[in-house]
N, C-alpha and C. Protein backbone atom coordinates (compact mmCIF):
# COMPACT_ATOMS: atom_id res chain seq x y z
N MET A 1 27.78 -1.69 5.29
CA MET A 1 26.77 -2.64 4.86
C MET A 1 25.58 -2.50 5.78
N GLY A 2 24.37 -2.52 5.24
CA GLY A 2 23.18 -2.41 6.05
C GLY A 2 22.03 -3.20 5.47
N PHE A 3 21.04 -3.45 6.30
CA PHE A 3 19.88 -4.22 5.88
C PHE A 3 18.61 -3.48 6.26
N ILE A 4 17.60 -3.56 5.43
CA ILE A 4 16.27 -3.05 5.72
C ILE A 4 15.29 -4.17 5.43
N ASP A 5 14.48 -4.54 6.41
CA ASP A 5 13.48 -5.60 6.22
C ASP A 5 14.09 -6.85 5.59
N GLY A 6 15.29 -7.21 6.00
CA GLY A 6 15.92 -8.41 5.46
C GLY A 6 16.57 -8.19 4.11
N GLY A 7 16.56 -6.97 3.58
CA GLY A 7 17.12 -6.70 2.26
C GLY A 7 18.46 -6.00 2.34
N TYR A 8 19.25 -6.12 1.33
CA TYR A 8 20.61 -5.61 1.27
C TYR A 8 20.66 -4.20 0.73
N LEU A 9 21.34 -3.31 1.40
CA LEU A 9 21.52 -1.95 0.92
C LEU A 9 22.76 -1.80 0.06
N GLY A 10 23.78 -2.58 0.34
CA GLY A 10 24.96 -2.54 -0.51
C GLY A 10 26.25 -2.25 0.21
N THR A 11 27.30 -2.79 -0.33
CA THR A 11 28.66 -2.49 0.09
C THR A 11 29.30 -1.80 -1.10
N PRO A 12 29.88 -0.64 -0.89
CA PRO A 12 30.46 0.06 -2.04
C PRO A 12 31.43 -0.85 -2.80
N PRO A 13 31.44 -0.85 -4.11
CA PRO A 13 30.48 -0.12 -4.94
C PRO A 13 29.19 -0.91 -5.13
N ALA A 14 28.05 -0.27 -4.94
CA ALA A 14 26.75 -0.91 -5.14
C ALA A 14 26.35 -0.87 -6.61
N VAL A 15 27.00 0.02 -7.39
CA VAL A 15 26.78 0.11 -8.83
C VAL A 15 28.16 0.09 -9.49
N VAL A 16 28.32 -0.76 -10.51
CA VAL A 16 29.59 -0.85 -11.22
C VAL A 16 29.35 -0.86 -12.72
N THR A 17 30.37 -0.47 -13.46
CA THR A 17 30.37 -0.63 -14.91
C THR A 17 31.17 -1.88 -15.21
N THR A 18 30.57 -2.81 -15.94
CA THR A 18 31.27 -4.05 -16.25
C THR A 18 32.24 -3.82 -17.40
N PRO A 19 33.24 -4.68 -17.55
CA PRO A 19 34.18 -4.53 -18.67
C PRO A 19 33.50 -4.62 -20.03
N GLU A 20 32.35 -5.31 -20.09
CA GLU A 20 31.62 -5.46 -21.36
C GLU A 20 30.81 -4.21 -21.71
N GLY A 21 30.61 -3.32 -20.74
CA GLY A 21 29.85 -2.11 -21.00
C GLY A 21 28.46 -2.10 -20.40
N GLY A 22 28.25 -2.91 -19.39
CA GLY A 22 26.95 -2.92 -18.72
C GLY A 22 27.01 -2.12 -17.43
N ILE A 23 25.85 -1.65 -17.00
CA ILE A 23 25.70 -1.02 -15.69
C ILE A 23 25.09 -2.08 -14.79
N ALA A 24 25.82 -2.46 -13.74
CA ALA A 24 25.36 -3.53 -12.85
C ALA A 24 25.10 -2.97 -11.46
N VAL A 25 24.00 -3.44 -10.86
CA VAL A 25 23.58 -3.04 -9.52
C VAL A 25 23.64 -4.26 -8.62
N ARG A 26 24.04 -4.05 -7.37
CA ARG A 26 24.14 -5.16 -6.42
C ARG A 26 22.79 -5.37 -5.73
N TYR A 27 22.26 -6.58 -5.85
CA TYR A 27 21.02 -7.01 -5.20
C TYR A 27 21.32 -8.26 -4.37
N ILE A 28 20.32 -8.75 -3.66
CA ILE A 28 20.43 -10.05 -2.99
C ILE A 28 19.92 -11.11 -3.95
N ASN A 29 20.66 -12.18 -4.11
CA ASN A 29 20.25 -13.31 -4.94
C ASN A 29 19.19 -14.11 -4.18
N LYS A 30 17.97 -14.10 -4.67
CA LYS A 30 16.90 -14.93 -4.12
C LYS A 30 16.27 -15.77 -5.23
N THR A 31 17.14 -16.34 -6.06
CA THR A 31 16.68 -17.21 -7.14
C THR A 31 16.41 -18.63 -6.64
N GLY A 32 16.79 -18.90 -5.39
CA GLY A 32 16.58 -20.24 -4.84
C GLY A 32 17.78 -21.16 -5.02
N ALA A 33 18.84 -20.65 -5.65
CA ALA A 33 20.04 -21.46 -5.90
C ALA A 33 21.21 -20.51 -6.13
N ALA A 34 22.40 -21.07 -6.31
CA ALA A 34 23.55 -20.25 -6.69
C ALA A 34 23.26 -19.56 -8.01
N SER A 35 23.74 -18.33 -8.15
CA SER A 35 23.45 -17.54 -9.35
C SER A 35 24.03 -18.19 -10.60
N ILE A 36 23.33 -17.96 -11.72
CA ILE A 36 23.78 -18.43 -13.03
C ILE A 36 23.85 -17.21 -13.94
N LYS A 37 25.04 -16.95 -14.45
CA LYS A 37 25.26 -15.77 -15.31
C LYS A 37 24.27 -15.78 -16.46
N GLY A 38 23.69 -14.60 -16.72
CA GLY A 38 22.78 -14.43 -17.84
C GLY A 38 21.32 -14.67 -17.52
N THR A 39 21.02 -15.18 -16.33
CA THR A 39 19.64 -15.42 -15.95
C THR A 39 18.88 -14.10 -15.89
N LEU A 40 17.72 -14.05 -16.52
CA LEU A 40 16.87 -12.86 -16.44
C LEU A 40 16.15 -12.87 -15.10
N VAL A 41 16.16 -11.73 -14.42
CA VAL A 41 15.59 -11.65 -13.08
C VAL A 41 14.56 -10.54 -12.97
N ALA A 42 13.72 -10.69 -11.93
CA ALA A 42 12.69 -9.71 -11.58
C ALA A 42 12.88 -9.35 -10.12
N VAL A 43 12.20 -8.31 -9.69
CA VAL A 43 12.23 -7.92 -8.28
C VAL A 43 11.59 -9.04 -7.45
N SER A 44 12.24 -9.42 -6.38
CA SER A 44 11.68 -10.42 -5.46
C SER A 44 10.45 -9.83 -4.77
N THR A 45 9.42 -10.64 -4.62
CA THR A 45 8.24 -10.21 -3.88
C THR A 45 8.30 -10.68 -2.43
N ALA A 46 9.40 -11.35 -2.05
CA ALA A 46 9.52 -11.88 -0.70
C ALA A 46 10.60 -11.20 0.14
N VAL A 47 11.64 -10.65 -0.50
CA VAL A 47 12.77 -10.07 0.21
C VAL A 47 13.11 -8.71 -0.38
N SER A 48 13.26 -7.70 0.47
CA SER A 48 13.62 -6.36 0.01
C SER A 48 14.99 -6.36 -0.65
N MET A 49 15.14 -5.54 -1.69
CA MET A 49 16.42 -5.35 -2.38
C MET A 49 16.96 -6.65 -2.97
N ALA A 50 16.06 -7.55 -3.36
CA ALA A 50 16.46 -8.86 -3.88
C ALA A 50 15.85 -9.11 -5.25
N VAL A 51 16.45 -10.07 -5.97
CA VAL A 51 15.94 -10.49 -7.26
C VAL A 51 15.67 -11.99 -7.26
N ALA A 52 14.69 -12.38 -8.07
CA ALA A 52 14.33 -13.78 -8.29
C ALA A 52 14.26 -14.01 -9.79
N ASN A 53 14.25 -15.26 -10.23
CA ASN A 53 14.11 -15.53 -11.66
C ASN A 53 12.84 -14.89 -12.18
N GLN A 54 12.90 -14.24 -13.35
CA GLN A 54 11.69 -13.69 -13.95
C GLN A 54 10.76 -14.86 -14.24
N SER A 55 9.48 -14.66 -13.99
CA SER A 55 8.55 -15.78 -14.17
C SER A 55 7.28 -15.41 -14.93
N SER A 56 7.01 -14.12 -15.11
CA SER A 56 5.77 -13.76 -15.79
C SER A 56 6.01 -13.29 -17.23
N GLU A 57 7.25 -13.18 -17.64
CA GLU A 57 7.67 -12.69 -18.95
C GLU A 57 7.51 -11.18 -19.09
N PHE A 58 6.87 -10.50 -18.15
CA PHE A 58 6.64 -9.07 -18.24
C PHE A 58 7.38 -8.29 -17.16
N ASP A 59 8.16 -8.95 -16.32
CA ASP A 59 8.69 -8.29 -15.12
C ASP A 59 10.21 -8.23 -15.04
N THR A 60 10.90 -8.48 -16.12
CA THR A 60 12.37 -8.52 -16.10
C THR A 60 12.96 -7.15 -15.81
N ILE A 61 13.98 -7.13 -14.90
CA ILE A 61 14.69 -5.88 -14.62
C ILE A 61 16.18 -5.97 -14.94
N GLY A 62 16.70 -7.16 -15.23
CA GLY A 62 18.12 -7.28 -15.51
C GLY A 62 18.55 -8.72 -15.74
N ALA A 63 19.87 -8.88 -15.94
CA ALA A 63 20.48 -10.18 -16.17
C ALA A 63 21.61 -10.37 -15.16
N ILE A 64 21.63 -11.50 -14.50
CA ILE A 64 22.68 -11.78 -13.50
C ILE A 64 24.04 -11.75 -14.18
N TYR A 65 24.99 -11.09 -13.53
CA TYR A 65 26.34 -10.93 -14.08
C TYR A 65 27.31 -11.99 -13.56
N GLU A 66 27.06 -12.54 -12.38
CA GLU A 66 28.03 -13.42 -11.72
C GLU A 66 27.50 -14.85 -11.55
N ASN A 67 28.36 -15.81 -11.83
CA ASN A 67 28.06 -17.22 -11.59
C ASN A 67 28.39 -17.62 -10.16
N GLY A 68 27.60 -18.52 -9.60
CA GLY A 68 27.96 -19.18 -8.35
C GLY A 68 27.81 -18.39 -7.08
N ILE A 69 27.05 -17.30 -7.10
CA ILE A 69 26.82 -16.53 -5.87
C ILE A 69 25.66 -17.20 -5.11
N ALA A 70 25.90 -17.56 -3.87
CA ALA A 70 24.92 -18.31 -3.08
C ALA A 70 23.61 -17.55 -2.92
N ASP A 71 22.51 -18.31 -2.87
CA ASP A 71 21.21 -17.73 -2.59
C ASP A 71 21.28 -16.99 -1.26
N GLY A 72 20.78 -15.77 -1.23
CA GLY A 72 20.83 -14.96 -0.02
C GLY A 72 22.04 -14.04 0.06
N SER A 73 22.95 -14.12 -0.90
CA SER A 73 24.16 -13.30 -0.91
C SER A 73 24.06 -12.21 -1.97
N PRO A 74 24.85 -11.13 -1.82
CA PRO A 74 24.84 -10.06 -2.82
C PRO A 74 25.35 -10.54 -4.18
N VAL A 75 24.64 -10.14 -5.24
CA VAL A 75 24.99 -10.53 -6.60
C VAL A 75 24.81 -9.31 -7.51
N LEU A 76 25.70 -9.19 -8.50
CA LEU A 76 25.58 -8.10 -9.47
C LEU A 76 24.60 -8.47 -10.58
N VAL A 77 23.75 -7.51 -10.95
CA VAL A 77 22.76 -7.68 -12.00
C VAL A 77 22.91 -6.53 -12.98
N VAL A 78 23.12 -6.85 -14.26
CA VAL A 78 23.22 -5.82 -15.28
C VAL A 78 21.81 -5.32 -15.59
N VAL A 79 21.61 -4.01 -15.43
CA VAL A 79 20.29 -3.41 -15.62
C VAL A 79 20.22 -2.54 -16.88
N SER A 80 21.36 -2.28 -17.51
CA SER A 80 21.40 -1.48 -18.72
C SER A 80 22.74 -1.71 -19.41
N GLY A 81 22.77 -1.52 -20.72
CA GLY A 81 24.01 -1.68 -21.46
C GLY A 81 24.20 -3.10 -21.97
N ILE A 82 25.45 -3.51 -22.10
CA ILE A 82 25.78 -4.82 -22.67
C ILE A 82 25.83 -5.88 -21.58
N ALA A 83 25.16 -7.00 -21.85
CA ALA A 83 25.16 -8.13 -20.91
C ALA A 83 25.06 -9.43 -21.69
N GLN A 84 25.56 -10.50 -21.09
CA GLN A 84 25.29 -11.82 -21.62
C GLN A 84 23.97 -12.29 -21.03
N VAL A 85 23.13 -12.87 -21.89
CA VAL A 85 21.85 -13.39 -21.43
C VAL A 85 21.80 -14.89 -21.71
N LEU A 86 21.11 -15.60 -20.85
CA LEU A 86 20.98 -17.05 -20.94
C LEU A 86 19.77 -17.37 -21.81
N LEU A 87 20.04 -17.98 -22.95
CA LEU A 87 18.97 -18.30 -23.89
C LEU A 87 18.17 -19.52 -23.45
N LYS A 88 16.91 -19.52 -23.82
CA LYS A 88 16.08 -20.71 -23.62
C LYS A 88 16.74 -21.84 -24.39
N ASP A 89 16.84 -23.02 -23.77
CA ASP A 89 17.50 -24.16 -24.42
C ASP A 89 16.91 -24.43 -25.80
N ALA A 90 17.79 -24.78 -26.72
CA ALA A 90 17.46 -25.16 -28.10
C ALA A 90 17.00 -23.98 -28.95
N THR A 91 17.23 -22.74 -28.48
CA THR A 91 16.93 -21.58 -29.32
C THR A 91 18.23 -20.85 -29.65
N ALA A 92 18.25 -20.27 -30.82
CA ALA A 92 19.44 -19.55 -31.29
C ALA A 92 19.23 -18.05 -31.09
N SER A 93 20.28 -17.31 -31.38
CA SER A 93 20.23 -15.85 -31.34
C SER A 93 20.76 -15.33 -32.66
N THR A 94 20.11 -14.30 -33.16
CA THR A 94 20.57 -13.63 -34.38
C THR A 94 20.78 -12.16 -34.07
N MET A 95 21.93 -11.62 -34.48
CA MET A 95 22.21 -10.20 -34.28
C MET A 95 21.05 -9.37 -34.81
N GLY A 96 20.64 -8.37 -34.01
CA GLY A 96 19.57 -7.47 -34.41
C GLY A 96 18.19 -7.92 -33.99
N ASN A 97 18.02 -9.21 -33.65
CA ASN A 97 16.71 -9.68 -33.19
C ASN A 97 16.36 -9.06 -31.85
N LEU A 98 15.07 -9.06 -31.54
CA LEU A 98 14.62 -8.61 -30.23
C LEU A 98 15.03 -9.62 -29.17
N LEU A 99 15.38 -9.13 -28.01
CA LEU A 99 15.59 -9.96 -26.83
C LEU A 99 14.30 -9.86 -26.03
N ILE A 100 13.61 -10.99 -25.86
CA ILE A 100 12.39 -10.98 -25.05
C ILE A 100 12.50 -12.04 -23.97
N ALA A 101 11.77 -11.84 -22.88
CA ALA A 101 11.73 -12.83 -21.81
C ALA A 101 11.04 -14.08 -22.35
N ALA A 102 11.63 -15.23 -22.10
CA ALA A 102 11.08 -16.49 -22.60
C ALA A 102 10.03 -17.04 -21.65
N ASP A 103 9.30 -18.03 -22.14
CA ASP A 103 8.31 -18.71 -21.32
C ASP A 103 8.94 -19.71 -20.36
N THR A 104 10.26 -19.84 -20.39
CA THR A 104 11.01 -20.61 -19.41
C THR A 104 11.58 -19.61 -18.41
N ASP A 105 11.24 -19.76 -17.13
CA ASP A 105 11.64 -18.79 -16.10
C ASP A 105 13.14 -18.51 -16.15
N GLY A 106 13.48 -17.22 -16.17
CA GLY A 106 14.87 -16.79 -16.13
C GLY A 106 15.60 -16.84 -17.45
N ARG A 107 14.94 -17.27 -18.50
CA ARG A 107 15.61 -17.42 -19.81
C ARG A 107 15.16 -16.38 -20.81
N ALA A 108 15.98 -16.19 -21.84
CA ALA A 108 15.73 -15.23 -22.90
C ALA A 108 15.37 -15.93 -24.20
N ASN A 109 14.60 -15.24 -25.03
CA ASN A 109 14.27 -15.72 -26.35
C ASN A 109 14.75 -14.66 -27.34
N ALA A 110 15.54 -15.08 -28.32
CA ALA A 110 16.11 -14.14 -29.29
C ALA A 110 15.76 -14.54 -30.70
N THR A 111 14.56 -15.10 -30.90
CA THR A 111 14.17 -15.61 -32.22
C THR A 111 13.24 -14.67 -32.97
N THR A 112 12.85 -13.54 -32.37
CA THR A 112 11.92 -12.61 -33.00
C THR A 112 12.69 -11.47 -33.68
N ALA A 113 12.51 -11.35 -34.98
CA ALA A 113 13.16 -10.26 -35.71
C ALA A 113 12.54 -8.93 -35.30
N ALA A 114 13.36 -7.90 -35.26
CA ALA A 114 12.84 -6.56 -34.99
C ALA A 114 11.96 -6.16 -36.18
N PRO A 115 10.83 -5.51 -35.90
CA PRO A 115 9.95 -5.12 -37.01
C PRO A 115 10.63 -4.11 -37.93
N SER A 116 10.36 -4.22 -39.23
CA SER A 116 10.96 -3.29 -40.18
C SER A 116 10.24 -1.95 -40.18
N SER A 117 9.01 -1.95 -39.67
CA SER A 117 8.27 -0.70 -39.49
C SER A 117 7.21 -0.93 -38.42
N GLY A 118 6.84 0.12 -37.76
CA GLY A 118 5.82 0.00 -36.73
C GLY A 118 6.36 -0.67 -35.48
N LEU A 119 5.44 -1.07 -34.61
CA LEU A 119 5.80 -1.69 -33.34
C LEU A 119 5.49 -3.17 -33.35
N PRO A 120 6.21 -3.95 -32.54
CA PRO A 120 5.82 -5.35 -32.39
C PRO A 120 4.49 -5.43 -31.64
N SER A 121 3.92 -6.62 -31.54
CA SER A 121 2.67 -6.78 -30.81
C SER A 121 2.82 -6.25 -29.39
N VAL A 122 1.72 -5.92 -28.74
CA VAL A 122 1.75 -5.39 -27.38
C VAL A 122 2.45 -6.36 -26.44
N ASP A 123 2.10 -7.66 -26.49
CA ASP A 123 2.74 -8.64 -25.61
C ASP A 123 4.25 -8.69 -25.85
N THR A 124 4.66 -8.75 -27.11
CA THR A 124 6.08 -8.79 -27.42
C THR A 124 6.77 -7.52 -26.92
N HIS A 125 6.16 -6.39 -27.14
CA HIS A 125 6.75 -5.12 -26.72
C HIS A 125 7.02 -5.11 -25.21
N PHE A 126 6.07 -5.56 -24.41
CA PHE A 126 6.24 -5.49 -22.96
C PHE A 126 7.07 -6.64 -22.39
N LYS A 127 7.38 -7.64 -23.21
CA LYS A 127 8.32 -8.70 -22.81
C LYS A 127 9.74 -8.35 -23.24
N GLU A 128 9.86 -7.33 -24.09
CA GLU A 128 11.16 -6.97 -24.66
C GLU A 128 12.14 -6.51 -23.59
N CYS A 129 13.37 -7.02 -23.70
CA CYS A 129 14.45 -6.70 -22.77
C CYS A 129 15.65 -6.10 -23.49
N GLY A 130 15.58 -5.95 -24.82
CA GLY A 130 16.69 -5.38 -25.55
C GLY A 130 16.81 -5.93 -26.95
N HIS A 131 18.05 -5.90 -27.47
CA HIS A 131 18.34 -6.34 -28.83
C HIS A 131 19.62 -7.16 -28.82
N MET A 132 19.64 -8.21 -29.61
CA MET A 132 20.78 -9.12 -29.63
C MET A 132 21.95 -8.51 -30.38
N MET A 133 23.14 -8.70 -29.81
CA MET A 133 24.37 -8.17 -30.39
C MET A 133 25.24 -9.29 -30.97
N GLN A 134 24.76 -10.54 -30.86
CA GLN A 134 25.59 -11.68 -31.25
C GLN A 134 24.70 -12.77 -31.84
N THR A 135 25.21 -13.43 -32.88
CA THR A 135 24.55 -14.60 -33.44
C THR A 135 25.22 -15.84 -32.84
N VAL A 136 24.40 -16.71 -32.25
CA VAL A 136 24.92 -17.97 -31.69
C VAL A 136 23.97 -19.09 -32.04
N VAL A 137 24.51 -20.30 -32.11
CA VAL A 137 23.72 -21.50 -32.37
C VAL A 137 23.05 -21.92 -31.08
N GLY A 138 21.83 -22.40 -31.17
CA GLY A 138 21.11 -22.87 -30.00
C GLY A 138 21.74 -24.11 -29.41
N GLY A 139 21.46 -24.37 -28.17
CA GLY A 139 21.99 -25.54 -27.47
C GLY A 139 21.46 -25.54 -26.06
N THR A 140 22.26 -26.00 -25.13
CA THR A 140 21.88 -26.05 -23.72
C THR A 140 22.72 -25.04 -22.95
N ASN A 141 22.06 -24.17 -22.19
CA ASN A 141 22.73 -23.16 -21.36
C ASN A 141 23.67 -22.27 -22.17
N VAL A 142 23.19 -21.75 -23.29
CA VAL A 142 23.98 -20.90 -24.17
C VAL A 142 23.81 -19.43 -23.76
N LEU A 143 24.93 -18.72 -23.69
CA LEU A 143 24.94 -17.28 -23.42
C LEU A 143 25.16 -16.52 -24.72
N ALA A 144 24.52 -15.35 -24.84
CA ALA A 144 24.74 -14.48 -25.99
C ALA A 144 24.72 -13.03 -25.53
N TYR A 145 25.50 -12.19 -26.20
CA TYR A 145 25.57 -10.77 -25.85
C TYR A 145 24.35 -10.03 -26.39
N ALA A 146 23.86 -9.11 -25.55
CA ALA A 146 22.72 -8.27 -25.93
C ALA A 146 22.92 -6.87 -25.38
N SER A 147 22.29 -5.93 -26.02
CA SER A 147 22.20 -4.57 -25.48
C SER A 147 20.83 -4.51 -24.81
N ILE A 148 20.83 -4.41 -23.48
CA ILE A 148 19.56 -4.55 -22.77
C ILE A 148 18.94 -3.21 -22.40
N HIS A 149 17.63 -3.22 -22.43
CA HIS A 149 16.79 -2.11 -21.98
C HIS A 149 15.44 -2.75 -21.66
N PHE A 150 14.58 -2.03 -21.03
CA PHE A 150 13.30 -2.63 -20.64
C PHE A 150 12.16 -1.69 -20.95
N ASN A 151 11.05 -2.27 -21.45
CA ASN A 151 9.85 -1.48 -21.82
C ASN A 151 8.84 -1.51 -20.69
């Protein structure tokens, strides 16, 4: 285990394949609280090798894989493949819809249908984090499976 500029380098394995089919990388949790599975995260601008809740809708790099990991501790983040994402409260998910970063920090929006031809708007394209693999009813703190990628 090693640190550079206060950031975590990793304890093997630093990269794992999750049982769901995601590729997860170990980062430092700097979300300001214990980790919440499915939270969309961005690179921390304060701590090396760390992640914080996505806040600009354009900077998502992954979804937290583990619940309850203390702030400042190593946490797995799914950066590709299948992951559960935390939906914005009161929004549903439909299979095949685009997964985009929501206007609520750390949350996903799965209400936009994939275009039948052409590209989505520029803003939607650069907020896109993948495609929904599961239909779920909206509620509070709802997780849904997605195949994630980033534009």
